[in-house]
Protein backbone atom coordinates (compact mmCIF):
# COMPACT_ATOMS: atom_id res chain seq x y z
CA UNK A 1 25.40 -23.24 140.67
CA UNK A 2 26.56 -19.73 141.51
CA UNK A 3 23.97 -16.99 141.28
CA UNK A 4 25.00 -13.60 139.85
CA UNK A 5 22.91 -10.43 139.92
CA UNK A 6 23.53 -7.69 137.33
CA UNK A 7 21.93 -4.53 138.74
CA UNK A 8 23.04 -1.94 136.16
CA UNK A 9 22.68 -1.85 132.36
CA UNK A 10 25.53 -3.91 130.85
CA UNK A 11 25.63 -5.26 127.31
CA UNK A 12 24.96 -8.94 126.68
CA UNK A 13 28.36 -9.26 124.97
CA UNK A 14 30.06 -7.88 128.08
CA UNK A 15 28.59 -10.60 130.30
CA UNK A 16 28.62 -13.40 127.72
CA UNK A 17 31.23 -15.31 129.75
CA UNK A 18 28.78 -15.48 132.63
CA UNK A 19 25.80 -16.29 130.43
CA UNK A 20 27.64 -19.19 128.78
CA UNK A 21 29.18 -20.60 131.99
CA UNK A 22 27.59 -23.91 132.97
CA UNK A 23 27.98 -23.22 136.68
CA UNK A 24 26.51 -19.70 136.63
CA UNK A 25 22.89 -18.58 136.90
CA UNK A 26 22.55 -14.91 136.00
CA UNK A 27 19.73 -12.41 136.59
CA UNK A 28 19.53 -8.88 135.19
CA UNK A 29 17.43 -6.57 137.38
CA UNK A 30 18.26 -2.90 136.88
CA UNK A 31 16.96 0.27 138.51
CA UNK A 32 16.43 -1.33 141.90
CA UNK A 33 16.21 0.78 145.05
CA UNK A 34 18.31 -0.03 148.12
CA UNK A 35 15.29 -1.62 149.79
CA UNK A 36 14.59 -3.77 146.73
CA UNK A 37 18.21 -4.91 146.59
CA UNK A 38 18.25 -5.72 150.28
CA UNK A 39 15.15 -7.86 149.81
CA UNK A 40 16.70 -10.11 147.13
CA UNK A 41 20.50 -9.95 147.49
CA UNK A 42 20.62 -12.76 150.07
CA UNK A 43 20.25 -15.42 147.38
CA UNK A 44 23.18 -14.22 145.22
CA UNK A 45 26.89 -15.13 145.31
CA UNK A 46 28.01 -12.16 143.20
CA UNK A 47 26.85 -8.66 142.28
CA UNK A 48 27.89 -6.91 139.05
CA UNK A 49 27.38 -3.14 138.80
CA UNK A 50 28.43 -0.05 136.89
CA UNK A 51 28.11 3.39 138.50
CA UNK A 52 24.35 3.64 139.12
CA UNK A 53 23.97 1.10 141.93
CA UNK A 54 25.26 2.26 145.31
CA UNK A 55 26.41 -0.86 147.13
CA UNK A 56 25.96 0.06 150.78
CA UNK A 57 26.85 -1.73 154.00
CA UNK A 58 23.16 -2.47 154.47
CA UNK A 59 23.05 -4.29 151.13
CA UNK A 60 26.17 -6.29 151.98
CA UNK A 61 24.82 -7.20 155.40
CA UNK A 62 21.77 -8.66 153.69
CA UNK A 63 23.98 -10.42 151.14
CA UNK A 64 24.75 -13.43 153.33
CA UNK A 65 26.13 -15.39 150.37
CA UNK A 66 27.97 -12.53 148.63
CA UNK A 67 31.55 -13.45 147.75
CA UNK A 68 32.38 -10.82 145.14
CA UNK A 69 31.21 -7.43 143.85
CA UNK A 70 32.35 -6.52 140.34
CA UNK A 71 32.49 -2.94 139.05
CA UNK A 72 32.43 -2.77 135.24
CA UNK A 73 34.69 0.28 135.12
CA UNK A 74 37.53 1.93 137.04
CA UNK A 75 36.02 3.95 139.90
CA UNK A 76 34.59 2.15 142.93
CA UNK A 77 33.35 5.16 144.88
CA UNK A 78 29.80 3.74 144.73
CA UNK A 79 30.88 0.68 146.74
CA UNK A 80 31.54 0.70 150.51
CA UNK A 81 34.98 -0.91 150.46
CA UNK A 82 35.40 -0.99 154.23
CA UNK A 83 32.12 -2.83 154.66
CA UNK A 84 33.11 -5.30 151.94
CA UNK A 85 36.49 -5.96 153.54
CA UNK A 86 34.96 -6.55 156.97
CA UNK A 87 32.67 -9.17 155.46
CA UNK A 88 35.36 -10.84 153.35
CA UNK A 89 33.69 -9.76 150.09
CA UNK A 90 36.18 -9.21 147.27
CA UNK A 91 35.63 -6.06 145.20
CA UNK A 92 37.10 -6.05 141.68
CA UNK A 93 37.22 -3.49 138.88
CA UNK A 94 38.61 -3.11 135.35
CA UNK A 95 41.46 -0.57 135.44
CA UNK A 96 42.78 -1.35 131.94
CA UNK A 97 39.54 -1.32 129.98
CA UNK A 98 39.64 2.34 128.94
CA UNK A 99 43.38 2.66 128.19
CA UNK A 100 43.25 2.45 124.40
CA UNK A 101 39.99 4.34 123.97
CA UNK A 102 41.21 7.28 126.07
CA UNK A 103 44.52 7.24 124.21
CA UNK A 104 42.76 7.35 120.85
CA UNK A 105 40.44 10.13 122.00
CA UNK A 106 43.51 12.12 123.02
CA UNK A 107 44.92 11.76 119.53
CA UNK A 108 41.58 12.62 117.96
CA UNK A 109 41.52 15.83 120.02
CA UNK A 110 45.13 16.58 119.13
CA UNK A 111 44.47 16.15 115.40
CA UNK A 112 41.30 18.23 115.60
CA UNK A 113 43.25 20.94 117.40
CA UNK A 114 46.12 20.91 114.91
CA UNK A 115 43.81 21.15 111.88
CA UNK A 116 40.87 23.21 113.28
CA UNK A 117 38.46 20.43 112.26
CA UNK A 118 35.40 21.32 114.41
CA UNK A 119 35.63 25.02 113.49
CA UNK A 120 36.05 24.28 109.79
CA UNK A 121 33.18 21.79 109.87
CA UNK A 122 30.83 24.28 111.53
CA UNK A 123 31.63 26.97 108.98
CA UNK A 124 31.36 24.64 106.00
CA UNK A 125 27.93 23.26 106.90
CA UNK A 126 26.89 26.85 107.54
CA UNK A 127 27.39 27.54 103.85
CA UNK A 128 30.77 29.30 104.02
CA UNK A 129 33.65 27.90 101.95
CA UNK A 130 36.64 29.28 103.87
CA UNK A 131 40.04 27.67 103.36
CA UNK A 132 42.22 30.59 104.44
CA UNK A 133 41.05 30.80 108.05
CA UNK A 134 41.93 27.22 108.95
CA UNK A 135 45.58 26.70 108.07
CA UNK A 136 46.81 24.08 110.49
CA UNK A 137 50.08 22.50 111.56
CA UNK A 138 51.58 19.04 111.11
CA UNK A 139 52.36 16.72 113.99
CA UNK A 140 55.49 15.41 112.25
CA UNK A 141 58.73 16.84 113.69
CA UNK A 142 56.83 18.50 116.53
CA UNK A 143 57.59 17.87 120.22
CA UNK A 144 54.86 16.32 122.34
CA UNK A 145 55.07 16.71 126.12
CA UNK A 146 53.30 13.90 128.00
CA UNK A 147 52.66 14.67 131.66
CA UNK A 148 51.96 11.27 133.22
CA UNK A 149 53.57 8.16 131.73
CA UNK A 150 51.26 5.50 133.12
CA UNK A 151 49.19 3.15 130.96
CA UNK A 152 47.45 5.83 128.89
CA UNK A 153 50.38 8.23 128.67
CA UNK A 154 52.67 5.44 127.47
CA UNK A 155 50.21 4.46 124.74
CA UNK A 156 49.92 8.09 123.63
CA UNK A 157 53.72 8.35 123.49
CA UNK A 158 53.94 5.22 121.31
CA UNK A 159 51.45 6.61 118.80
CA UNK A 160 53.13 10.02 118.80
CA UNK A 161 56.41 8.39 117.78
CA UNK A 162 54.60 6.71 114.88
CA UNK A 163 53.54 10.19 113.77
CA UNK A 164 57.18 11.28 113.73
CA UNK A 165 56.96 13.34 116.90
CA UNK A 166 59.66 13.75 119.54
CA UNK A 167 58.28 12.90 122.98
CA UNK A 168 59.19 14.48 126.31
CA UNK A 169 57.86 12.35 129.16
CA UNK A 170 57.30 13.34 132.78
CA UNK A 171 56.13 11.07 135.57
CA UNK A 172 57.09 10.95 139.25
CA UNK A 173 58.08 7.29 138.76
CA UNK A 174 59.70 7.58 135.32
CA UNK A 175 63.39 6.71 135.45
CA UNK A 176 66.02 7.11 132.73
CA UNK A 177 65.98 3.36 132.18
CA UNK A 178 62.22 3.13 131.68
CA UNK A 179 62.19 6.28 129.53
CA UNK A 180 64.77 4.65 127.24
CA UNK A 181 62.60 1.53 126.97
CA UNK A 182 59.63 3.68 126.00
CA UNK A 183 61.70 5.70 123.55
CA UNK A 184 60.97 9.03 125.20
CA UNK A 185 63.16 11.75 126.66
CA UNK A 186 62.91 11.99 130.44
CA UNK A 187 61.82 15.53 131.33
CA UNK A 188 60.63 17.72 134.16
CA UNK A 189 57.35 19.64 134.09
CA UNK A 190 59.41 22.75 133.37
CA UNK A 191 61.16 21.01 130.45
CA UNK A 192 57.78 20.09 128.98
CA UNK A 193 56.31 23.56 129.45
CA UNK A 194 59.31 25.29 127.88
CA UNK A 195 59.99 22.82 125.08
CA UNK A 196 56.80 21.16 123.84
CA UNK A 197 54.71 22.16 120.81
CA UNK A 198 51.82 20.02 122.12
CA UNK A 199 51.15 19.09 125.76
CA UNK A 200 48.83 16.31 126.91
CA UNK A 201 48.15 15.39 130.54
CA UNK A 202 47.54 11.86 131.83
CA UNK A 203 47.96 12.12 135.59
CA UNK A 204 45.37 11.59 138.31
CA UNK A 205 44.08 14.68 140.08
CA UNK A 206 45.91 15.02 143.40
CA UNK A 207 46.93 18.00 145.53
CA UNK A 208 50.29 17.83 143.73
CA UNK A 209 48.83 17.80 140.22
CA UNK A 210 46.00 20.31 140.73
CA UNK A 211 46.83 23.28 138.49
CA UNK A 212 50.23 21.78 137.69
CA UNK A 213 49.98 23.97 134.61
CA UNK A 214 48.87 27.38 135.88
CA UNK A 215 49.76 31.03 135.59
CA UNK A 216 53.41 30.50 136.52
CA UNK A 217 53.82 27.91 133.77
CA UNK A 218 51.96 29.97 131.17
CA UNK A 219 54.38 32.82 131.79
CA UNK A 220 57.31 30.72 130.51
CA UNK A 221 55.47 28.33 128.15
CA UNK A 222 56.69 27.82 124.60
CA UNK A 223 54.82 30.31 122.39
CA UNK A 224 52.22 28.69 120.16
CA UNK A 225 51.82 25.53 122.22
CA UNK A 226 48.60 23.51 121.98
CA UNK A 227 47.21 21.77 125.07
CA UNK A 228 45.05 18.63 125.40
CA UNK A 229 43.37 17.34 128.56
CA UNK A 230 41.52 14.02 128.42
CA UNK A 231 42.49 13.03 131.98
CA UNK A 232 40.93 14.98 134.84
CA UNK A 233 39.54 18.48 135.17
CA UNK A 234 41.65 20.67 137.42
CA UNK A 235 45.08 19.52 136.31
CA UNK A 236 45.24 22.65 134.14
CA UNK A 237 44.08 26.00 135.52
CA UNK A 238 41.18 26.74 133.17
CA UNK A 239 41.03 30.50 133.77
CA UNK A 240 44.80 30.86 133.41
CA UNK A 241 44.63 28.90 130.16
CA UNK A 242 42.00 31.20 128.68
CA UNK A 243 44.10 34.21 129.62
CA UNK A 244 47.16 32.63 127.96
CA UNK A 245 45.18 31.88 124.77
CA UNK A 246 43.80 35.42 124.62
CA UNK A 247 47.31 36.79 125.19
CA UNK A 248 48.62 34.77 122.24
CA UNK A 249 50.98 32.55 124.25
CA UNK A 250 48.87 29.41 123.66
CA UNK A 251 47.57 28.61 120.17
CA UNK A 252 44.62 26.53 121.34
CA UNK A 253 43.30 23.82 123.62
CA UNK A 254 41.18 20.67 123.46
CA UNK A 255 39.43 19.51 126.64
CA UNK A 256 37.35 16.41 127.32
CA UNK A 257 37.15 17.12 131.07
CA UNK A 258 36.31 20.10 133.26
CA UNK A 259 36.91 21.17 136.86
CA UNK A 260 33.14 21.09 137.31
CA UNK A 261 31.03 18.76 135.19
CA UNK A 262 28.89 19.58 133.43
CA UNK A 263 30.41 23.06 132.98
CA UNK A 264 28.33 26.16 133.56
CA UNK A 265 26.59 27.61 130.52
CA UNK A 266 28.87 30.66 130.63
CA UNK A 267 32.10 28.67 130.92
CA UNK A 268 34.68 30.47 128.73
CA UNK A 269 35.69 27.23 126.97
CA UNK A 270 32.25 26.71 125.46
CA UNK A 271 32.24 29.67 123.09
CA UNK A 272 35.93 30.27 122.53
CA UNK A 273 37.04 29.95 118.89
CA UNK A 274 40.37 28.38 119.87
CA UNK A 275 39.06 25.77 122.29
CA UNK A 276 37.59 22.37 121.37
CA UNK A 277 35.44 20.58 123.94
CA UNK A 278 33.76 17.18 124.30
CA UNK A 279 31.56 15.91 127.18
CA UNK A 280 33.95 13.49 128.94
CA UNK A 281 33.99 10.94 126.13
CA UNK A 282 37.42 9.45 126.83
CA UNK A 283 36.09 6.01 127.77
CA UNK A 284 32.94 6.16 125.65
CA UNK A 285 33.42 3.57 122.94
CA UNK A 286 31.53 0.36 122.32
CA UNK A 287 34.74 -1.60 122.76
CA UNK A 288 35.66 0.04 126.06
CA UNK A 289 32.22 -0.45 127.56
CA UNK A 290 32.30 -4.10 126.54
CA UNK A 291 35.93 -4.67 127.54
CA UNK A 292 35.46 -3.51 131.13
CA UNK A 293 32.45 -5.81 131.49
CA UNK A 294 34.35 -8.72 129.93
CA UNK A 295 37.36 -8.14 132.20
CA UNK A 296 35.24 -8.03 135.34
CA UNK A 297 33.15 -11.04 134.29
CA UNK A 298 36.32 -13.09 133.81
CA UNK A 299 37.71 -12.17 137.23
CA UNK A 300 34.33 -12.75 138.86
CA UNK A 301 34.33 -16.30 137.47
CA UNK A 302 37.84 -16.92 138.84
CA UNK A 303 36.83 -15.79 142.32
CA UNK A 304 33.65 -17.88 142.42
CA UNK A 305 35.61 -20.92 141.24
CA UNK A 306 38.36 -20.28 143.81
CA UNK A 307 40.95 -19.63 141.07
CA UNK A 308 43.72 -16.96 141.02
CA UNK A 309 42.40 -13.48 140.19
CA UNK A 310 43.61 -9.89 139.82
CA UNK A 311 42.30 -6.31 140.04
CA UNK A 312 40.91 -6.61 143.56
CA UNK A 313 40.55 -3.18 145.15
CA UNK A 314 40.00 -4.04 148.80
CA UNK A 315 42.23 -5.68 151.38
CA UNK A 316 42.79 -9.42 150.81
CA UNK A 317 41.88 -11.76 153.67
CA UNK A 318 44.42 -11.94 156.52
CA UNK A 319 44.23 -14.62 159.23
CA UNK A 320 42.43 -13.26 162.29
CA UNK A 321 45.31 -13.69 164.75
CA UNK A 322 47.78 -12.01 162.39
CA UNK A 323 45.32 -9.22 161.59
CA UNK A 324 44.89 -8.51 165.29
CA UNK A 325 48.66 -7.95 165.59
CA UNK A 326 49.12 -5.93 162.40
CA UNK A 327 45.98 -3.81 162.12
CA UNK A 328 47.10 -1.23 164.71
CA UNK A 329 50.14 -0.58 162.50
CA UNK A 330 48.26 -0.13 159.20
CA UNK A 331 47.77 3.62 159.62
CA UNK A 332 51.37 4.11 160.74
CA UNK A 333 52.75 2.17 157.76
CA UNK A 334 50.60 4.03 155.23
CA UNK A 335 51.45 7.44 156.68
CA UNK A 336 55.17 6.68 156.82
CA UNK A 337 55.00 5.85 153.12
CA UNK A 338 53.14 9.06 152.37
CA UNK A 339 55.51 11.14 154.51
CA UNK A 340 58.59 9.66 152.85
CA UNK A 341 57.13 10.26 149.39
CA UNK A 342 56.45 13.92 150.17
CA UNK A 343 59.99 14.66 151.35
CA UNK A 344 61.73 12.83 148.50
CA UNK A 345 62.69 14.39 145.17
CA UNK A 346 63.02 12.45 141.92
CA UNK A 347 61.46 9.24 140.54
CA UNK A 348 61.37 6.52 143.19
CA UNK A 349 63.46 3.51 142.23
CA UNK A 350 63.31 1.54 145.46
CA UNK A 351 61.07 1.36 148.52
CA UNK A 352 62.84 -0.27 151.46
CA UNK A 353 60.89 -1.20 154.59
CA UNK A 354 62.63 -2.28 157.76
CA UNK A 355 60.77 -3.94 160.65
CA UNK A 356 62.36 -4.10 164.08
CA UNK A 357 61.24 -5.53 167.40
CA UNK A 358 58.30 -7.88 167.76
CA UNK A 359 57.24 -7.26 164.14
CA UNK A 360 60.34 -9.15 163.03
CA UNK A 361 58.64 -12.41 164.07
CA UNK A 362 55.43 -12.11 162.03
CA UNK A 363 54.39 -11.98 158.36
CA UNK A 364 54.61 -8.25 157.59
CA UNK A 365 53.53 -8.40 153.93
CA UNK A 366 50.18 -6.69 154.70
CA UNK A 367 52.11 -3.83 156.34
CA UNK A 368 54.45 -3.53 153.37
CA UNK A 369 51.42 -3.19 151.13
CA UNK A 370 50.25 -0.29 153.29
CA UNK A 371 53.65 1.42 153.00
CA UNK A 372 53.72 1.05 149.22
CA UNK A 373 50.12 2.28 149.05
CA UNK A 374 51.13 5.41 150.98
CA UNK A 375 54.07 6.10 148.67
CA UNK A 376 52.18 5.60 145.42
CA UNK A 377 48.96 7.31 146.51
CA UNK A 378 50.81 10.59 146.99
CA UNK A 379 51.66 10.62 143.28
CA UNK A 380 48.82 8.62 141.71
CA UNK A 381 45.89 9.62 143.93
CA UNK A 382 44.23 7.78 146.79
CA UNK A 383 41.35 6.75 144.53
CA UNK A 384 43.76 4.92 142.21
CA UNK A 385 45.87 3.01 144.75
CA UNK A 386 44.84 0.56 147.47
CA UNK A 387 46.46 -2.13 149.58
CA UNK A 388 45.71 -4.79 146.97
CA UNK A 389 46.89 -3.15 143.75
CA UNK A 390 49.81 -1.20 145.27
CA UNK A 391 52.40 -3.94 144.68
CA UNK A 392 51.19 -4.44 141.11
CA UNK A 393 51.35 -0.71 140.39
CA UNK A 394 54.87 -0.55 141.82
CA UNK A 395 55.95 -3.45 139.61
CA UNK A 396 54.44 -1.75 136.55
CA UNK A 397 56.59 1.32 137.31
CA UNK A 398 59.67 -0.83 137.94
CA UNK A 399 59.89 0.23 141.58
CA UNK A 400 61.90 -2.30 143.61
CA UNK A 401 60.43 -3.34 146.99
CA UNK A 402 62.88 -4.51 149.70
CA UNK A 403 62.02 -5.65 153.24
CA UNK A 404 64.38 -6.40 156.12
CA UNK A 405 63.84 -7.45 159.73
CA UNK A 406 65.78 -7.04 162.94
CA UNK A 407 65.16 -7.79 166.61
CA UNK A 408 66.79 -4.48 167.68
CA UNK A 409 64.17 -1.70 167.81
CA UNK A 410 66.20 1.18 169.33
CA UNK A 411 64.17 1.33 172.53
CA UNK A 412 60.76 0.80 170.91
CA UNK A 413 58.58 -2.29 171.10
CA UNK A 414 58.27 -2.13 167.32
CA UNK A 415 59.83 0.22 164.80
CA UNK A 416 58.98 0.63 161.11
CA UNK A 417 61.48 2.46 158.88
CA UNK A 418 60.69 3.45 155.29
CA UNK A 419 63.54 4.45 152.97
CA UNK A 420 63.03 5.75 149.43
CA UNK A 421 65.82 5.74 146.88
CA UNK A 422 65.80 7.88 143.74
CA UNK A 423 68.48 8.79 141.24
CA UNK A 424 69.10 11.95 143.27
CA UNK A 425 68.86 11.02 146.93
CA UNK A 426 67.88 8.62 149.69
CA UNK A 427 65.38 9.73 152.35
CA UNK A 428 63.87 7.87 155.27
CA UNK A 429 61.22 8.13 157.97
CA UNK A 430 60.74 5.85 160.95
CA UNK A 431 57.76 5.47 163.22
CA UNK A 432 56.26 3.55 166.11
CA UNK A 433 53.05 3.17 168.07
CA UNK A 434 53.33 4.91 171.43
CA UNK A 435 50.92 3.93 174.17
CA UNK A 436 48.32 6.65 174.60
CA UNK A 437 49.62 8.64 171.64
CA UNK A 438 49.06 6.37 168.63
CA UNK A 439 51.17 6.45 165.44
CA UNK A 440 54.20 8.75 165.80
CA UNK A 441 57.06 9.64 163.48
CA UNK A 442 60.18 9.06 165.55
CA UNK A 443 62.98 9.75 163.09
CA UNK A 444 63.45 11.69 159.85
CA UNK A 445 66.62 10.72 158.04
CA UNK A 446 69.26 10.82 160.81
CA UNK A 447 67.33 13.16 163.12
CA UNK A 448 65.31 11.86 166.11
CA UNK A 449 61.89 13.54 166.50
CA UNK A 450 58.47 12.89 167.99
CA UNK A 451 55.82 14.03 165.52
CA UNK A 452 52.11 13.26 165.38
CA UNK A 453 51.44 11.61 162.02
CA UNK A 454 48.42 13.60 160.92
CA UNK A 455 47.34 17.00 159.63
CA UNK A 456 49.41 19.73 158.01
CA UNK A 457 53.15 19.66 158.65
CA UNK A 458 56.05 21.81 157.47
CA UNK A 459 59.49 20.19 157.30
CA UNK A 460 62.32 22.72 157.38
CA UNK A 461 66.00 21.99 156.80
CA UNK A 462 68.28 24.62 158.31
CA UNK A 463 71.54 25.41 160.08
CA UNK A 464 71.40 25.25 163.86
CA UNK A 465 71.91 28.93 164.65
CA UNK A 466 70.31 31.28 167.20
CA UNK A 467 67.26 33.20 166.01
CA UNK A 468 66.12 31.00 163.14
CA UNK A 469 63.15 29.54 165.05
CA UNK A 470 62.00 33.06 165.87
CA UNK A 471 62.30 34.19 162.25
CA UNK A 472 60.28 31.20 161.06
CA UNK A 473 57.55 31.81 163.64
CA UNK A 474 57.36 35.51 162.83
CA UNK A 475 57.07 34.92 159.09
CA UNK A 476 54.33 32.31 159.47
CA UNK A 477 52.44 34.44 161.98
CA UNK A 478 52.61 37.45 159.68
CA UNK A 479 51.02 35.33 156.95
CA UNK A 480 48.24 34.03 159.21
CA UNK A 481 49.64 30.52 159.71
CA UNK A 482 49.31 29.30 163.29
CA UNK A 483 51.93 26.89 164.66
CA UNK A 484 50.32 24.17 166.77
CA UNK A 485 53.40 22.04 167.52
CA UNK A 486 57.15 22.19 166.90
CA UNK A 487 59.92 19.59 166.94
CA UNK A 488 63.60 20.31 166.33
CA UNK A 489 66.15 17.63 165.52
CA UNK A 490 69.92 17.97 165.31
CA UNK A 491 73.02 15.81 165.65
CA UNK A 492 75.59 18.42 166.69
CA UNK A 493 75.36 21.98 168.00
CA UNK A 494 75.64 24.49 165.18
CA UNK A 495 75.38 21.87 162.43
CA UNK A 496 72.64 20.77 160.07
CA UNK A 497 69.21 20.47 161.66
CA UNK A 498 65.53 20.00 160.90
CA UNK A 499 62.38 21.60 162.23
CA UNK A 500 58.95 19.97 161.97
CA UNK A 501 56.00 22.28 162.50
CA UNK A 502 52.41 21.19 162.98
CA UNK A 503 50.20 23.96 161.55
CA UNK A 504 46.46 24.51 161.53
CA UNK A 505 46.03 24.84 157.77
CA UNK A 506 47.79 24.39 154.45
CA UNK A 507 50.70 26.81 153.93
CA UNK A 508 50.49 28.75 150.64
CA UNK A 509 53.31 28.13 148.17
CA UNK A 510 54.42 31.76 148.24
CA UNK A 511 54.85 31.54 152.03
CA UNK A 512 57.01 28.42 151.61
CA UNK A 513 59.10 30.39 149.11
CA UNK A 514 59.48 33.20 151.64
CA UNK A 515 60.64 30.68 154.25
CA UNK A 516 63.32 29.37 151.91
CA UNK A 517 64.66 32.91 151.48
CA UNK A 518 65.37 33.26 155.21
CA UNK A 519 69.06 33.27 156.23
CA UNK A 520 70.44 29.82 157.19
CA UNK A 521 67.28 28.04 155.97
CA UNK A 522 67.86 25.49 153.19
CA UNK A 523 64.41 24.16 152.31
CA UNK A 524 60.77 24.16 153.42
CA UNK A 525 58.29 21.47 152.38
CA UNK A 526 54.63 21.18 153.23
CA UNK A 527 53.41 17.69 154.10
CA UNK A 528 49.79 16.59 154.42
CA UNK A 529 48.94 13.39 156.27
CA UNK A 530 45.28 12.38 156.14
């Protein structure tokens, strides 16, 4: 018999698979303190939680028999993943459980926005019969812009087509081929902003997506657009949105999420006649709450019975001798993936990883997972991607993964090269571990460099001419950006070259724009490696 502890409130239907299993003994004990959990966890093989229980290293240390921790939901920030991995405890979640319910809430908000339903309801029950003030618009023949074509965004697009809407889809991994399969028109953020009658966002919140619709976008947005956010607060600049509504450029907005939750009592959304709000209800349906528990219960059973499973969110077991060889390269592989993603434009179609030197003789699949994690996390968020689900997420987005090996390592003991291919370009970054210096980026495209793989970097493409380094330094200094390190790479004197600057803080976008206006400078990109 396997013993399972349920330490958070979960419906009986959600855990019915466990209750009915002949080889499972289940206990429900909710509201326990850390000390109380530590005292009893030693007798259990599995722990099932929602968001209330914080599963700490201390609890896992006491859980001598723990094989699996299940999170009935998506986020696992209440579970110490590193501690679980060290102890060989599998952590699983339910990433698909809220897809349909969030999609449907998005459409409910869109319909309410189009027809002024909450405002009309409030006035009607207040005793005022007012038909003239609430003339709405139809969805049919309108253009919907979907920013983020993952699971939820794709479901929203499918339903929009059923309503007779044209759909513009943007996603950093959306290719022409996949857009055609989904029946949407591949678009840029600018295309969506300028052409959509309704805009809905379904991206994670990352440095790239924070305020992806802000003042600059509202200046050129299609007049009369309506905006829906049931994804994450912060993707849309809330203050800039209010200003655009008051200026008449935006007809209205419907938000289920806020930058700070709960919002302050004086938040401008709460009393604005053209804004509809709900308290983060996207995943709040009976079915969703039950589905995530059912999904996790099923996977928990598979793990306990030593059967194939999915949706693990921590590193799978790696043999000790292999782990000892590969673990020093994990950080390098992940950062090379992140670096390559940040210098590449367009939807990624292929991730190619080349291993040279001693790494050619070992199983490098765990390293490849780290590379893919680094690439995807830049676009999808580090809280959404891990070494276990990275390959699955890449497959879902039809990203091809290619690995090659060679004994020749160009003077290094081991060399890892990551190449990303899009419909527009092919970019690469190579790196190695240098004794005493740790992970280093040793080549960017065709240019040899020696760059520390952490912190804030600025990658500049320019012509190799006298004075350009001085102009770059002067401009950054004038704007209060201190240069900590500098590397210059070139192939021939006076030809194309790159400059990699290590700086002490993030470089504002307007400063990057100023850099790109300098003579003989082609592009300037900020890169953050954490």
